[in-house]
Structure formats: structure tokens, C-alpha cells
Amino acid sequence: MRVLGVDDNADILKLVQMTVESLGHTFESAPGGVPGLDKIRNNQYDMVLLDLSMPDMTGLEVIDVLVDEGIIGKQRVVLFTASYLGMEDLENKLHEKGVHSILAKPADIDQIMDRLQQIESEVEST
């Protein structure tokens, strides 16, 4: 599987990279929303782990652009956030827009591994 991590926190990207690569997948990263959006536009990923709060372009803004350009469904977008969790209305709207799922920060390696394995099963069955 090919995974993109989009986050302005280098430590989180390193943790995700180690987790993804330990499961035998390919990992790329982008240090913010703008470079992340550029990578999504120009590459095909099985999973995009997208931070919500970034200074250059928020994860919500990236999602809106992906929806507007009709490319949100080309990969499974997993929102990665410490904010907005438990706000059921927002979570439902994000799912309606095409967001696969939401993971809470701080990152739990087991949660990341479980989500990767879930998406890997989905990719293999399509």
C-alpha cells in the first residue's frame, strides 16, 4: 500500500513512517496542507493520513479542495486530529464529503496499525 502523511509536526510524521514501513508499506510525507494537496493531485495513494490543524492550509481546507476537484474518492482520507472529536455533526459531514475515518491524537501506534490493516483489506477486496 502507498501511504501519504500530511502533518506540520515532523515527530508525528516520523512515528507514522516507522509504523507504515514496519508493516511493509510505502510512505511519503508532506510538511503541510499545501504540499500535501500537491502530492495528492499528482500521485495515487491508498491512504492519506491528514492532520486537521496546520498553519498553511487546514485539513478541512484540503478536504474541501479535494471535494471541489472531484478527487476525494481516489484515496482513503483519514483525518488525524486532537480537535473536533466528539462533534458528531462535523464527523457526519466529513464522512458525507468522503473522509474515510478520523483518528485521535496523540497517536496510538496500535490504532494506526489497525487502521492501516483495515484499509489494506479494503484495497485488496476492490
N, C-alpha and C. Protein backbone atom coordinates (compact mmCIF):
# COMPACT_ATOMS: atom_id res chain seq x y z
N MET A 1 0.84 -1.18 0.00
CA MET A 1 0.00 0.00 0.00
C MET A 1 0.88 1.23 0.00
N ARG A 2 0.36 2.27 -0.59
CA ARG A 2 1.07 3.54 -0.64
C ARG A 2 0.36 4.54 0.27
N VAL A 3 1.09 5.10 1.24
CA VAL A 3 0.51 5.96 2.26
C VAL A 3 1.19 7.32 2.24
N LEU A 4 0.38 8.38 2.34
CA LEU A 4 0.88 9.75 2.46
C LEU A 4 0.50 10.29 3.82
N GLY A 5 1.47 10.85 4.54
CA GLY A 5 1.22 11.54 5.79
C GLY A 5 1.36 13.03 5.57
N VAL A 6 0.34 13.78 5.93
CA VAL A 6 0.35 15.24 5.79
C VAL A 6 0.20 15.85 7.18
N ASP A 7 1.29 16.43 7.67
CA ASP A 7 1.28 16.97 9.03
C ASP A 7 2.44 17.96 9.15
N ASP A 8 2.24 19.03 9.90
CA ASP A 8 3.32 20.00 10.11
C ASP A 8 4.23 19.61 11.27
N ASN A 9 3.95 18.50 11.93
CA ASN A 9 4.76 18.02 13.04
C ASN A 9 5.66 16.88 12.55
N ALA A 10 6.95 17.15 12.45
CA ALA A 10 7.91 16.16 11.94
C ALA A 10 7.98 14.91 12.80
N ASP A 11 7.81 15.05 14.12
CA ASP A 11 7.86 13.89 15.01
C ASP A 11 6.70 12.93 14.73
N ILE A 12 5.53 13.47 14.49
CA ILE A 12 4.38 12.63 14.17
C ILE A 12 4.60 11.93 12.84
N LEU A 13 5.11 12.66 11.85
CA LEU A 13 5.38 12.05 10.55
C LEU A 13 6.38 10.90 10.69
N LYS A 14 7.39 11.07 11.52
CA LYS A 14 8.39 10.02 11.72
C LYS A 14 7.76 8.79 12.37
N LEU A 15 6.92 8.99 13.38
CA LEU A 15 6.22 7.89 14.04
C LEU A 15 5.35 7.13 13.04
N VAL A 16 4.60 7.87 12.24
CA VAL A 16 3.73 7.23 11.25
C VAL A 16 4.57 6.50 10.21
N GLN A 17 5.66 7.11 9.77
CA GLN A 17 6.53 6.47 8.79
C GLN A 17 7.05 5.13 9.31
N MET A 18 7.54 5.12 10.54
CA MET A 18 8.06 3.88 11.13
C MET A 18 6.97 2.82 11.20
N THR A 19 5.77 3.22 11.58
CA THR A 19 4.65 2.29 11.69
C THR A 19 4.27 1.72 10.33
N VAL A 20 4.11 2.61 9.35
CA VAL A 20 3.71 2.20 7.99
C VAL A 20 4.76 1.28 7.38
N GLU A 21 6.01 1.68 7.48
CA GLU A 21 7.07 0.89 6.86
C GLU A 21 7.30 -0.44 7.58
N SER A 22 7.02 -0.49 8.90
CA SER A 22 7.17 -1.76 9.63
C SER A 22 6.16 -2.79 9.15
N LEU A 23 5.06 -2.33 8.55
CA LEU A 23 4.04 -3.23 8.01
C LEU A 23 4.27 -3.52 6.53
N GLY A 24 5.39 -3.02 5.99
CA GLY A 24 5.76 -3.32 4.62
C GLY A 24 5.15 -2.41 3.57
N HIS A 25 4.64 -1.26 3.99
CA HIS A 25 4.03 -0.33 3.06
C HIS A 25 4.99 0.80 2.71
N THR A 26 4.69 1.51 1.64
CA THR A 26 5.48 2.66 1.21
C THR A 26 4.91 3.92 1.85
N PHE A 27 5.80 4.79 2.32
CA PHE A 27 5.35 6.02 2.98
C PHE A 27 6.01 7.24 2.36
N GLU A 28 5.20 8.25 2.13
CA GLU A 28 5.67 9.57 1.72
C GLU A 28 5.08 10.56 2.69
N SER A 29 5.70 11.74 2.78
CA SER A 29 5.17 12.75 3.69
C SER A 29 5.17 14.12 3.04
N ALA A 30 4.35 14.98 3.62
CA ALA A 30 4.29 16.39 3.23
C ALA A 30 4.18 17.20 4.51
N PRO A 31 4.95 18.29 4.63
CA PRO A 31 5.01 19.04 5.88
C PRO A 31 3.89 20.07 6.08
N GLY A 32 2.84 19.99 5.29
CA GLY A 32 1.74 20.93 5.43
C GLY A 32 0.66 20.67 4.40
N GLY A 33 -0.43 21.42 4.52
CA GLY A 33 -1.57 21.22 3.64
C GLY A 33 -1.30 21.53 2.18
N VAL A 34 -0.57 22.59 1.91
CA VAL A 34 -0.30 22.98 0.52
C VAL A 34 0.55 21.92 -0.19
N PRO A 35 1.71 21.52 0.38
CA PRO A 35 2.47 20.47 -0.29
C PRO A 35 1.75 19.12 -0.30
N GLY A 36 0.94 18.87 0.73
CA GLY A 36 0.16 17.64 0.76
C GLY A 36 -0.86 17.60 -0.37
N LEU A 37 -1.55 18.70 -0.57
CA LEU A 37 -2.52 18.78 -1.65
C LEU A 37 -1.85 18.58 -3.01
N ASP A 38 -0.66 19.15 -3.18
CA ASP A 38 0.08 18.98 -4.42
C ASP A 38 0.41 17.50 -4.65
N LYS A 39 0.85 16.81 -3.61
CA LYS A 39 1.16 15.38 -3.74
C LYS A 39 -0.09 14.57 -4.08
N ILE A 40 -1.20 14.89 -3.43
CA ILE A 40 -2.45 14.16 -3.69
C ILE A 40 -2.90 14.37 -5.13
N ARG A 41 -2.76 15.57 -5.63
CA ARG A 41 -3.16 15.87 -7.01
C ARG A 41 -2.31 15.11 -8.03
N ASN A 42 -1.05 14.88 -7.69
CA ASN A 42 -0.11 14.35 -8.68
C ASN A 42 0.26 12.89 -8.47
N ASN A 43 -0.30 12.23 -7.47
CA ASN A 43 0.04 10.84 -7.17
C ASN A 43 -1.21 10.09 -6.75
N GLN A 44 -1.11 8.78 -6.73
CA GLN A 44 -2.20 7.94 -6.26
C GLN A 44 -1.78 7.28 -4.96
N TYR A 45 -2.55 7.49 -3.90
CA TYR A 45 -2.28 6.88 -2.60
C TYR A 45 -3.45 6.01 -2.20
N ASP A 46 -3.16 4.96 -1.47
CA ASP A 46 -4.23 4.13 -0.93
C ASP A 46 -4.81 4.76 0.32
N MET A 47 -3.96 5.49 1.06
CA MET A 47 -4.38 6.13 2.30
C MET A 47 -3.65 7.46 2.46
N VAL A 48 -4.40 8.48 2.84
CA VAL A 48 -3.82 9.78 3.17
C VAL A 48 -4.18 10.06 4.63
N LEU A 49 -3.15 10.15 5.45
CA LEU A 49 -3.34 10.50 6.86
C LEU A 49 -3.14 12.00 6.96
N LEU A 50 -4.23 12.73 7.18
CA LEU A 50 -4.27 14.18 7.05
C LEU A 50 -4.51 14.86 8.40
N ASP A 51 -3.55 15.68 8.81
CA ASP A 51 -3.70 16.46 10.04
C ASP A 51 -4.78 17.52 9.83
N LEU A 52 -5.50 17.83 10.88
CA LEU A 52 -6.54 18.85 10.79
C LEU A 52 -5.96 20.25 10.95
N SER A 53 -5.09 20.45 11.93
CA SER A 53 -4.59 21.80 12.24
C SER A 53 -3.17 21.98 11.71
N MET A 54 -3.08 22.72 10.61
CA MET A 54 -1.78 23.07 10.03
C MET A 54 -1.83 24.55 9.70
N PRO A 55 -0.71 25.24 9.82
CA PRO A 55 -0.72 26.70 9.65
C PRO A 55 -0.93 27.18 8.22
N ASP A 56 -0.49 26.42 7.23
CA ASP A 56 -0.57 26.91 5.86
C ASP A 56 -1.93 26.64 5.22
N MET A 57 -2.52 25.51 5.53
CA MET A 57 -3.82 25.12 4.97
C MET A 57 -4.34 24.01 5.86
N THR A 58 -5.50 24.19 6.45
CA THR A 58 -6.03 23.18 7.37
C THR A 58 -6.46 21.92 6.62
N GLY A 59 -6.58 20.84 7.37
CA GLY A 59 -7.08 19.61 6.78
C GLY A 59 -8.47 19.78 6.20
N LEU A 60 -9.31 20.59 6.86
CA LEU A 60 -10.65 20.84 6.34
C LEU A 60 -10.60 21.56 4.99
N GLU A 61 -9.66 22.50 4.85
CA GLU A 61 -9.50 23.20 3.57
C GLU A 61 -9.01 22.24 2.49
N VAL A 62 -8.10 21.35 2.85
CA VAL A 62 -7.62 20.35 1.89
C VAL A 62 -8.78 19.47 1.44
N ILE A 63 -9.59 19.02 2.39
CA ILE A 63 -10.75 18.18 2.06
C ILE A 63 -11.70 18.92 1.12
N ASP A 64 -11.97 20.19 1.41
CA ASP A 64 -12.87 20.96 0.54
C ASP A 64 -12.34 21.06 -0.88
N VAL A 65 -11.03 21.26 -1.04
CA VAL A 65 -10.44 21.31 -2.38
C VAL A 65 -10.57 19.95 -3.07
N LEU A 66 -10.30 18.87 -2.34
CA LEU A 66 -10.42 17.53 -2.91
C LEU A 66 -11.85 17.25 -3.36
N VAL A 67 -12.82 17.71 -2.58
CA VAL A 67 -14.23 17.55 -2.96
C VAL A 67 -14.52 18.39 -4.20
N ASP A 68 -14.12 19.67 -4.19
CA ASP A 68 -14.37 20.56 -5.32
C ASP A 68 -13.76 20.05 -6.61
N GLU A 69 -12.59 19.43 -6.51
CA GLU A 69 -11.90 18.92 -7.70
C GLU A 69 -12.32 17.49 -8.05
N GLY A 70 -13.19 16.90 -7.25
CA GLY A 70 -13.70 15.57 -7.53
C GLY A 70 -12.69 14.46 -7.36
N ILE A 71 -11.69 14.67 -6.50
CA ILE A 71 -10.65 13.64 -6.33
C ILE A 71 -10.60 13.07 -4.92
N ILE A 72 -11.57 13.41 -4.09
CA ILE A 72 -11.55 12.90 -2.71
C ILE A 72 -11.66 11.38 -2.68
N GLY A 73 -12.38 10.79 -3.62
CA GLY A 73 -12.61 9.35 -3.62
C GLY A 73 -11.48 8.53 -4.19
N LYS A 74 -10.42 9.16 -4.66
CA LYS A 74 -9.32 8.41 -5.27
C LYS A 74 -8.40 7.77 -4.24
N GLN A 75 -8.54 8.15 -2.99
CA GLN A 75 -7.77 7.56 -1.90
C GLN A 75 -8.62 7.61 -0.64
N ARG A 76 -8.21 6.87 0.35
CA ARG A 76 -8.94 6.88 1.63
C ARG A 76 -8.30 7.93 2.53
N VAL A 77 -9.05 8.98 2.81
CA VAL A 77 -8.54 10.07 3.65
C VAL A 77 -8.92 9.79 5.09
N VAL A 78 -7.89 9.73 5.94
CA VAL A 78 -8.09 9.54 7.37
C VAL A 78 -7.65 10.83 8.04
N LEU A 79 -8.59 11.51 8.65
CA LEU A 79 -8.28 12.76 9.36
C LEU A 79 -7.65 12.42 10.69
N PHE A 80 -6.59 13.15 11.02
CA PHE A 80 -5.78 12.88 12.19
C PHE A 80 -5.80 14.15 13.04
N THR A 81 -6.48 14.10 14.19
CA THR A 81 -6.71 15.35 14.92
C THR A 81 -6.87 15.17 16.42
N ALA A 82 -6.53 16.22 17.13
CA ALA A 82 -6.82 16.30 18.56
C ALA A 82 -8.06 17.17 18.79
N SER A 83 -8.51 17.82 17.74
CA SER A 83 -9.66 18.72 17.81
C SER A 83 -10.88 18.07 17.16
N TYR A 84 -12.01 18.59 17.45
CA TYR A 84 -13.26 18.22 16.79
C TYR A 84 -13.78 16.84 17.10
N LEU A 85 -13.05 16.04 17.86
CA LEU A 85 -13.55 14.71 18.16
C LEU A 85 -14.77 14.84 19.08
N GLY A 86 -15.72 13.99 18.84
CA GLY A 86 -16.94 14.01 19.63
C GLY A 86 -17.97 14.98 19.11
N MET A 87 -17.62 15.72 18.07
CA MET A 87 -18.59 16.62 17.46
C MET A 87 -19.27 15.85 16.33
N GLU A 88 -20.32 15.14 16.69
CA GLU A 88 -20.96 14.19 15.78
C GLU A 88 -21.41 14.82 14.47
N ASP A 89 -21.95 16.05 14.51
CA ASP A 89 -22.40 16.70 13.28
C ASP A 89 -21.25 16.90 12.31
N LEU A 90 -20.12 17.39 12.82
CA LEU A 90 -18.97 17.61 11.95
C LEU A 90 -18.44 16.28 11.42
N GLU A 91 -18.37 15.27 12.27
CA GLU A 91 -17.89 13.97 11.83
C GLU A 91 -18.78 13.41 10.72
N ASN A 92 -20.09 13.55 10.87
CA ASN A 92 -21.01 13.08 9.84
C ASN A 92 -20.82 13.83 8.53
N LYS A 93 -20.64 15.15 8.62
CA LYS A 93 -20.41 15.95 7.40
C LYS A 93 -19.12 15.54 6.71
N LEU A 94 -18.08 15.26 7.49
CA LEU A 94 -16.81 14.84 6.90
C LEU A 94 -16.96 13.49 6.20
N HIS A 95 -17.69 12.57 6.82
CA HIS A 95 -17.92 11.28 6.18
C HIS A 95 -18.72 11.45 4.89
N GLU A 96 -19.72 12.34 4.91
CA GLU A 96 -20.51 12.61 3.71
C GLU A 96 -19.66 13.19 2.59
N LYS A 97 -18.65 13.97 2.95
CA LYS A 97 -17.75 14.54 1.94
C LYS A 97 -16.80 13.50 1.36
N GLY A 98 -16.64 12.38 2.05
CA GLY A 98 -15.77 11.34 1.54
C GLY A 98 -14.60 10.98 2.43
N VAL A 99 -14.54 11.56 3.64
CA VAL A 99 -13.48 11.21 4.57
C VAL A 99 -13.73 9.79 5.07
N HIS A 100 -12.71 8.96 4.99
CA HIS A 100 -12.84 7.56 5.38
C HIS A 100 -13.11 7.42 6.88
N SER A 101 -12.26 8.08 7.68
CA SER A 101 -12.39 7.94 9.13
C SER A 101 -11.56 9.01 9.83
N ILE A 102 -11.67 9.04 11.15
CA ILE A 102 -10.97 10.03 11.96
C ILE A 102 -10.22 9.29 13.07
N LEU A 103 -8.95 9.64 13.23
CA LEU A 103 -8.14 9.11 14.32
C LEU A 103 -7.77 10.23 15.27
N ALA A 104 -7.74 9.91 16.55
CA ALA A 104 -7.42 10.91 17.56
C ALA A 104 -5.92 11.01 17.78
N LYS A 105 -5.47 12.23 18.01
CA LYS A 105 -4.12 12.48 18.51
C LYS A 105 -4.24 12.61 20.01
N PRO A 106 -3.27 12.25 20.80
CA PRO A 106 -1.97 11.76 20.37
C PRO A 106 -2.09 10.37 19.75
N ALA A 107 -1.19 10.09 18.84
CA ALA A 107 -1.25 8.85 18.07
C ALA A 107 -0.96 7.64 18.95
N ASP A 108 -1.78 6.66 18.82
CA ASP A 108 -1.55 5.37 19.42
C ASP A 108 -1.12 4.44 18.28
N ILE A 109 0.05 3.86 18.39
CA ILE A 109 0.59 3.04 17.31
C ILE A 109 -0.37 1.91 16.95
N ASP A 110 -1.01 1.32 17.95
CA ASP A 110 -1.95 0.23 17.67
C ASP A 110 -3.13 0.72 16.83
N GLN A 111 -3.62 1.93 17.11
CA GLN A 111 -4.73 2.48 16.32
C GLN A 111 -4.30 2.71 14.87
N ILE A 112 -3.10 3.25 14.69
CA ILE A 112 -2.61 3.48 13.33
C ILE A 112 -2.46 2.15 12.60
N MET A 113 -1.90 1.16 13.27
CA MET A 113 -1.72 -0.15 12.65
C MET A 113 -3.06 -0.78 12.31
N ASP A 114 -4.03 -0.67 13.21
CA ASP A 114 -5.36 -1.21 12.94
C ASP A 114 -6.00 -0.55 11.72
N ARG A 115 -5.88 0.78 11.63
CA ARG A 115 -6.47 1.49 10.50
C ARG A 115 -5.78 1.11 9.19
N LEU A 116 -4.45 0.99 9.23
CA LEU A 116 -3.72 0.55 8.04
C LEU A 116 -4.18 -0.83 7.59
N GLN A 117 -4.33 -1.74 8.53
CA GLN A 117 -4.75 -3.09 8.19
C GLN A 117 -6.18 -3.11 7.67
N GLN A 118 -7.05 -2.28 8.24
CA GLN A 118 -8.43 -2.18 7.77
C GLN A 118 -8.45 -1.69 6.31
N ILE A 119 -7.70 -0.64 6.05
CA ILE A 119 -7.67 -0.08 4.70
C ILE A 119 -7.00 -1.05 3.73
N GLU A 120 -5.97 -1.74 4.18
CA GLU A 120 -5.32 -2.74 3.33
C GLU A 120 -6.32 -3.80 2.91
N SER A 121 -7.16 -4.25 3.82
CA SER A 121 -8.20 -5.24 3.49
C SER A 121 -9.19 -4.67 2.48
N GLU A 122 -9.56 -3.40 2.65
CA GLU A 122 -10.48 -2.75 1.72
C GLU A 122 -9.86 -2.65 0.33
N VAL A 123 -8.58 -2.29 0.27
CA VAL A 123 -7.88 -2.14 -1.01
C VAL A 123 -7.81 -3.50 -1.72
N GLU A 124 -7.49 -4.53 -0.96
CA GLU A 124 -7.36 -5.87 -1.55
C GLU A 124 -8.69 -6.41 -2.06
N SER A 125 -9.79 -5.99 -1.44
CA SER A 125 -11.11 -6.51 -1.86
C SER A 125 -11.71 -5.74 -3.03
N THR A 126 -11.03 -4.66 -3.46
CA THR A 126 -11.56 -3.89 -4.61
C THR A 126 -10.86 -4.23 -5.89
